[in-house]
Amino acid sequence: MPHRRGKTLPPPSAMPIMAQRCSTCPFNPDGDQELRSKIMQRVVTEASQTCHSTGVMHGRPDTHLCRGARDFQLEYLHRIGFLAEPTDACWAAKWQEIQHGHTH
């Protein structure tokens, strides 16, 4: 399991996703474009993004995934044909397929 500041973090697959973007989300229209670009690269090549406003930025463990980054991931995965629709429900179904070795 990953560690940050001496704390064991749950895997991203076990973290809930923010219901909506936080007020300082880089994916908001007025969000930090440089940070958004870095996150966009990371979430399609490495891992999901934790929400910066719910965790370590405030001295607490990360608890949620970023809604803006997840929406970007869903749209990307849909556009490349991996997901039928860019929704959390489609991702959850695909994740179950992957875990059980039943990918199409």
N, C-alpha and C. Protein backbone atom coordinates (compact mmCIF):
# COMPACT_ATOMS: atom_id res chain seq x y z
N MET A 1 0.83 -1.18 0.00
CA MET A 1 0.00 0.00 0.00
C MET A 1 0.88 1.25 0.00
N PRO A 2 0.47 2.30 -0.69
CA PRO A 2 1.27 3.52 -0.71
C PRO A 2 1.34 4.17 0.66
N HIS A 3 2.40 4.93 0.86
CA HIS A 3 2.59 5.66 2.11
C HIS A 3 2.80 7.13 1.80
N ARG A 4 2.35 7.97 2.68
CA ARG A 4 2.63 9.40 2.59
C ARG A 4 2.71 9.92 4.01
N ARG A 5 3.83 10.58 4.30
CA ARG A 5 4.05 11.13 5.63
C ARG A 5 3.85 10.10 6.72
N GLY A 6 4.34 8.88 6.47
CA GLY A 6 4.28 7.83 7.48
C GLY A 6 2.92 7.17 7.64
N LYS A 7 1.94 7.53 6.82
CA LYS A 7 0.61 6.94 6.94
C LYS A 7 0.36 6.02 5.76
N THR A 8 -0.30 4.90 6.03
CA THR A 8 -0.68 3.99 4.97
C THR A 8 -1.96 4.50 4.33
N LEU A 9 -1.95 4.60 3.02
CA LEU A 9 -3.11 5.10 2.29
C LEU A 9 -3.87 3.95 1.65
N PRO A 10 -5.18 4.06 1.55
CA PRO A 10 -5.92 3.03 0.83
C PRO A 10 -5.60 3.11 -0.66
N PRO A 11 -5.72 2.01 -1.38
CA PRO A 11 -5.50 2.10 -2.83
C PRO A 11 -6.57 2.99 -3.46
N PRO A 12 -6.25 3.67 -4.56
CA PRO A 12 -7.25 4.54 -5.18
C PRO A 12 -8.57 3.83 -5.49
N SER A 13 -8.51 2.54 -5.80
CA SER A 13 -9.76 1.83 -6.11
C SER A 13 -10.69 1.75 -4.91
N ALA A 14 -10.16 1.97 -3.70
CA ALA A 14 -10.98 1.91 -2.49
C ALA A 14 -11.44 3.29 -2.03
N MET A 15 -11.00 4.33 -2.70
CA MET A 15 -11.37 5.69 -2.30
C MET A 15 -12.65 6.12 -3.02
N PRO A 16 -13.55 6.76 -2.29
CA PRO A 16 -14.72 7.32 -2.97
C PRO A 16 -14.31 8.52 -3.82
N ILE A 17 -15.14 8.82 -4.79
CA ILE A 17 -14.89 9.97 -5.67
C ILE A 17 -15.75 11.13 -5.17
N MET A 18 -15.18 12.31 -5.19
CA MET A 18 -15.96 13.48 -4.79
C MET A 18 -17.24 13.53 -5.64
N ALA A 19 -18.35 13.88 -5.02
CA ALA A 19 -19.62 13.96 -5.73
C ALA A 19 -19.59 15.06 -6.79
N GLN A 20 -18.89 16.14 -6.49
CA GLN A 20 -18.73 17.22 -7.46
C GLN A 20 -17.37 17.87 -7.26
N ARG A 21 -16.99 18.69 -8.20
CA ARG A 21 -15.70 19.36 -8.11
C ARG A 21 -15.69 20.31 -6.91
N CYS A 22 -14.56 20.36 -6.23
CA CYS A 22 -14.43 21.32 -5.14
C CYS A 22 -14.23 22.72 -5.74
N SER A 23 -14.33 23.72 -4.91
CA SER A 23 -14.27 25.10 -5.41
C SER A 23 -12.91 25.46 -6.01
N THR A 24 -11.85 24.76 -5.62
CA THR A 24 -10.52 25.06 -6.13
C THR A 24 -10.00 23.99 -7.10
N CYS A 25 -10.89 23.19 -7.63
CA CYS A 25 -10.49 22.11 -8.54
C CYS A 25 -9.79 22.67 -9.77
N PRO A 26 -8.64 22.09 -10.14
CA PRO A 26 -7.94 22.55 -11.34
C PRO A 26 -8.76 22.36 -12.62
N PHE A 27 -9.79 21.53 -12.57
CA PHE A 27 -10.62 21.27 -13.75
C PHE A 27 -11.79 22.24 -13.88
N ASN A 28 -11.95 23.13 -12.92
CA ASN A 28 -12.95 24.20 -13.06
C ASN A 28 -12.49 25.16 -14.14
N PRO A 29 -13.42 25.88 -14.76
CA PRO A 29 -13.03 26.82 -15.82
C PRO A 29 -11.94 27.81 -15.40
N ASP A 30 -11.94 28.23 -14.15
CA ASP A 30 -10.93 29.16 -13.69
C ASP A 30 -9.81 28.47 -12.91
N GLY A 31 -9.71 27.13 -13.05
CA GLY A 31 -8.70 26.37 -12.34
C GLY A 31 -7.29 26.58 -12.88
N ASP A 32 -6.32 26.11 -12.13
CA ASP A 32 -4.90 26.23 -12.48
C ASP A 32 -4.61 25.35 -13.71
N GLN A 33 -4.41 25.98 -14.85
CA GLN A 33 -4.23 25.25 -16.11
C GLN A 33 -2.95 24.43 -16.13
N GLU A 34 -1.89 24.93 -15.53
CA GLU A 34 -0.63 24.18 -15.50
C GLU A 34 -0.80 22.91 -14.67
N LEU A 35 -1.42 23.03 -13.53
CA LEU A 35 -1.67 21.86 -12.68
C LEU A 35 -2.62 20.89 -13.39
N ARG A 36 -3.65 21.42 -14.03
CA ARG A 36 -4.60 20.58 -14.77
C ARG A 36 -3.87 19.76 -15.83
N SER A 37 -2.98 20.38 -16.58
CA SER A 37 -2.24 19.66 -17.62
C SER A 37 -1.42 18.52 -17.04
N LYS A 38 -0.76 18.77 -15.91
CA LYS A 38 0.04 17.73 -15.26
C LYS A 38 -0.84 16.58 -14.80
N ILE A 39 -1.98 16.91 -14.21
CA ILE A 39 -2.90 15.88 -13.73
C ILE A 39 -3.47 15.09 -14.90
N MET A 40 -3.82 15.76 -15.99
CA MET A 40 -4.36 15.07 -17.16
C MET A 40 -3.37 14.03 -17.67
N GLN A 41 -2.11 14.38 -17.73
CA GLN A 41 -1.07 13.44 -18.17
C GLN A 41 -0.98 12.27 -17.21
N ARG A 42 -0.97 12.57 -15.92
CA ARG A 42 -0.81 11.53 -14.90
C ARG A 42 -1.98 10.55 -14.88
N VAL A 43 -3.21 11.05 -15.01
CA VAL A 43 -4.36 10.15 -14.85
C VAL A 43 -4.59 9.25 -16.05
N VAL A 44 -3.94 9.52 -17.17
CA VAL A 44 -4.06 8.59 -18.30
C VAL A 44 -2.83 7.69 -18.43
N THR A 45 -1.77 7.98 -17.67
CA THR A 45 -0.57 7.16 -17.78
C THR A 45 -0.14 6.47 -16.49
N GLU A 46 -0.62 6.97 -15.34
CA GLU A 46 -0.13 6.44 -14.07
C GLU A 46 -1.23 5.99 -13.11
N ALA A 47 -2.02 6.92 -12.60
CA ALA A 47 -2.98 6.59 -11.56
C ALA A 47 -4.02 7.68 -11.40
N SER A 48 -5.05 7.37 -10.64
CA SER A 48 -6.09 8.36 -10.33
C SER A 48 -5.51 9.45 -9.44
N GLN A 49 -6.18 10.58 -9.43
CA GLN A 49 -5.74 11.75 -8.67
C GLN A 49 -6.59 11.91 -7.42
N THR A 50 -5.94 12.05 -6.28
CA THR A 50 -6.70 12.36 -5.08
C THR A 50 -7.07 13.83 -5.09
N CYS A 51 -8.15 14.15 -4.40
CA CYS A 51 -8.61 15.54 -4.33
C CYS A 51 -7.69 16.31 -3.41
N HIS A 52 -7.12 17.37 -3.94
CA HIS A 52 -6.15 18.15 -3.15
C HIS A 52 -6.81 18.92 -2.02
N SER A 53 -8.11 19.12 -2.06
CA SER A 53 -8.75 19.91 -1.01
C SER A 53 -9.25 19.07 0.16
N THR A 54 -9.14 17.74 0.08
CA THR A 54 -9.66 16.90 1.16
C THR A 54 -8.57 16.19 1.95
N GLY A 55 -7.33 16.26 1.54
CA GLY A 55 -6.31 15.46 2.19
C GLY A 55 -5.08 16.19 2.64
N VAL A 56 -3.95 15.78 2.10
CA VAL A 56 -2.65 16.22 2.60
C VAL A 56 -2.46 17.73 2.54
N MET A 57 -3.14 18.42 1.67
CA MET A 57 -3.03 19.88 1.63
C MET A 57 -3.51 20.49 2.95
N HIS A 58 -4.31 19.73 3.68
CA HIS A 58 -4.86 20.21 4.94
C HIS A 58 -4.36 19.39 6.13
N GLY A 59 -3.27 18.65 5.93
CA GLY A 59 -2.68 17.89 7.01
C GLY A 59 -3.42 16.62 7.39
N ARG A 60 -4.28 16.15 6.50
CA ARG A 60 -5.05 14.93 6.75
C ARG A 60 -4.72 13.90 5.68
N PRO A 61 -5.00 12.63 5.94
CA PRO A 61 -4.79 11.63 4.89
C PRO A 61 -5.73 11.89 3.71
N ASP A 62 -5.31 11.51 2.52
CA ASP A 62 -6.19 11.59 1.36
C ASP A 62 -7.37 10.67 1.59
N THR A 63 -8.56 11.14 1.26
CA THR A 63 -9.75 10.33 1.48
C THR A 63 -10.61 10.15 0.24
N HIS A 64 -10.49 11.06 -0.73
CA HIS A 64 -11.36 11.03 -1.91
C HIS A 64 -10.55 11.26 -3.19
N LEU A 65 -11.09 10.75 -4.28
CA LEU A 65 -10.50 11.03 -5.58
C LEU A 65 -11.12 12.29 -6.15
N CYS A 66 -10.35 12.96 -6.98
CA CYS A 66 -10.76 14.22 -7.60
C CYS A 66 -11.86 13.99 -8.63
N ARG A 67 -12.98 14.71 -8.48
CA ARG A 67 -14.09 14.60 -9.42
C ARG A 67 -13.69 15.10 -10.82
N GLY A 68 -12.99 16.22 -10.86
CA GLY A 68 -12.59 16.77 -12.16
C GLY A 68 -11.67 15.83 -12.91
N ALA A 69 -10.69 15.26 -12.21
CA ALA A 69 -9.76 14.32 -12.84
C ALA A 69 -10.50 13.05 -13.27
N ARG A 70 -11.43 12.57 -12.46
CA ARG A 70 -12.19 11.38 -12.83
C ARG A 70 -13.04 11.63 -14.06
N ASP A 71 -13.68 12.80 -14.13
CA ASP A 71 -14.48 13.11 -15.32
C ASP A 71 -13.60 13.13 -16.57
N PHE A 72 -12.39 13.67 -16.45
CA PHE A 72 -11.46 13.66 -17.57
C PHE A 72 -11.09 12.22 -17.94
N GLN A 73 -10.79 11.38 -16.95
CA GLN A 73 -10.46 9.98 -17.23
C GLN A 73 -11.62 9.28 -17.94
N LEU A 74 -12.82 9.48 -17.43
CA LEU A 74 -13.99 8.82 -18.02
C LEU A 74 -14.17 9.22 -19.48
N GLU A 75 -14.04 10.52 -19.75
CA GLU A 75 -14.19 11.00 -21.13
C GLU A 75 -13.10 10.42 -22.02
N TYR A 76 -11.88 10.40 -21.54
CA TYR A 76 -10.76 9.83 -22.30
C TYR A 76 -10.99 8.35 -22.59
N LEU A 77 -11.34 7.60 -21.56
CA LEU A 77 -11.55 6.15 -21.73
C LEU A 77 -12.73 5.85 -22.66
N HIS A 78 -13.72 6.72 -22.64
CA HIS A 78 -14.85 6.57 -23.56
C HIS A 78 -14.41 6.87 -25.00
N ARG A 79 -13.65 7.93 -25.20
CA ARG A 79 -13.23 8.31 -26.54
C ARG A 79 -12.31 7.28 -27.20
N ILE A 80 -11.53 6.55 -26.40
CA ILE A 80 -10.66 5.53 -27.00
C ILE A 80 -11.36 4.17 -27.11
N GLY A 81 -12.65 4.12 -26.72
CA GLY A 81 -13.42 2.90 -26.88
C GLY A 81 -13.33 1.91 -25.72
N PHE A 82 -12.72 2.30 -24.62
CA PHE A 82 -12.58 1.40 -23.48
C PHE A 82 -13.87 1.34 -22.67
N LEU A 83 -14.59 2.45 -22.59
CA LEU A 83 -15.88 2.51 -21.88
C LEU A 83 -16.99 2.81 -22.87
N ALA A 84 -18.14 2.18 -22.68
CA ALA A 84 -19.29 2.43 -23.55
C ALA A 84 -19.83 3.85 -23.37
N GLU A 85 -19.79 4.35 -22.15
CA GLU A 85 -20.25 5.70 -21.81
C GLU A 85 -19.27 6.30 -20.81
N PRO A 86 -19.13 7.62 -20.77
CA PRO A 86 -18.21 8.25 -19.81
C PRO A 86 -18.86 8.47 -18.44
N THR A 87 -19.21 7.36 -17.78
CA THR A 87 -19.91 7.45 -16.50
C THR A 87 -19.21 6.61 -15.43
N ASP A 88 -19.47 6.96 -14.18
CA ASP A 88 -18.95 6.18 -13.07
C ASP A 88 -19.50 4.75 -13.12
N ALA A 89 -20.76 4.60 -13.50
CA ALA A 89 -21.37 3.27 -13.57
C ALA A 89 -20.66 2.38 -14.60
N CYS A 90 -20.34 2.95 -15.76
CA CYS A 90 -19.61 2.17 -16.78
C CYS A 90 -18.22 1.81 -16.28
N TRP A 91 -17.55 2.74 -15.60
CA TRP A 91 -16.23 2.44 -15.06
C TRP A 91 -16.32 1.34 -14.01
N ALA A 92 -17.33 1.39 -13.13
CA ALA A 92 -17.48 0.36 -12.09
C ALA A 92 -17.69 -1.01 -12.72
N ALA A 93 -18.51 -1.07 -13.76
CA ALA A 93 -18.74 -2.34 -14.44
C ALA A 93 -17.46 -2.85 -15.11
N LYS A 94 -16.72 -1.96 -15.76
CA LYS A 94 -15.47 -2.35 -16.41
C LYS A 94 -14.45 -2.81 -15.38
N TRP A 95 -14.39 -2.13 -14.23
CA TRP A 95 -13.46 -2.51 -13.17
C TRP A 95 -13.78 -3.92 -12.67
N GLN A 96 -15.06 -4.24 -12.55
CA GLN A 96 -15.46 -5.59 -12.15
C GLN A 96 -15.01 -6.61 -13.19
N GLU A 97 -15.19 -6.31 -14.46
CA GLU A 97 -14.73 -7.19 -15.54
C GLU A 97 -13.23 -7.44 -15.44
N ILE A 98 -12.48 -6.37 -15.23
CA ILE A 98 -11.02 -6.49 -15.14
C ILE A 98 -10.63 -7.36 -13.96
N GLN A 99 -11.24 -7.12 -12.81
CA GLN A 99 -10.91 -7.89 -11.62
C GLN A 99 -11.21 -9.37 -11.78
N HIS A 100 -12.23 -9.68 -12.55
CA HIS A 100 -12.63 -11.08 -12.75
C HIS A 100 -12.10 -11.68 -14.04
N GLY A 101 -11.26 -10.93 -14.75
CA GLY A 101 -10.64 -11.43 -15.97
C GLY A 101 -11.57 -11.60 -17.14
N HIS A 102 -12.64 -10.82 -17.19
CA HIS A 102 -13.63 -10.93 -18.27
C HIS A 102 -13.68 -9.65 -19.08
N THR A 103 -12.57 -9.26 -19.70
CA THR A 103 -12.59 -8.04 -20.52
C THR A 103 -12.99 -8.37 -21.94
N HIS A 104 -13.60 -7.39 -22.59
CA HIS A 104 -14.04 -7.57 -23.99
C HIS A 104 -13.06 -6.90 -24.92
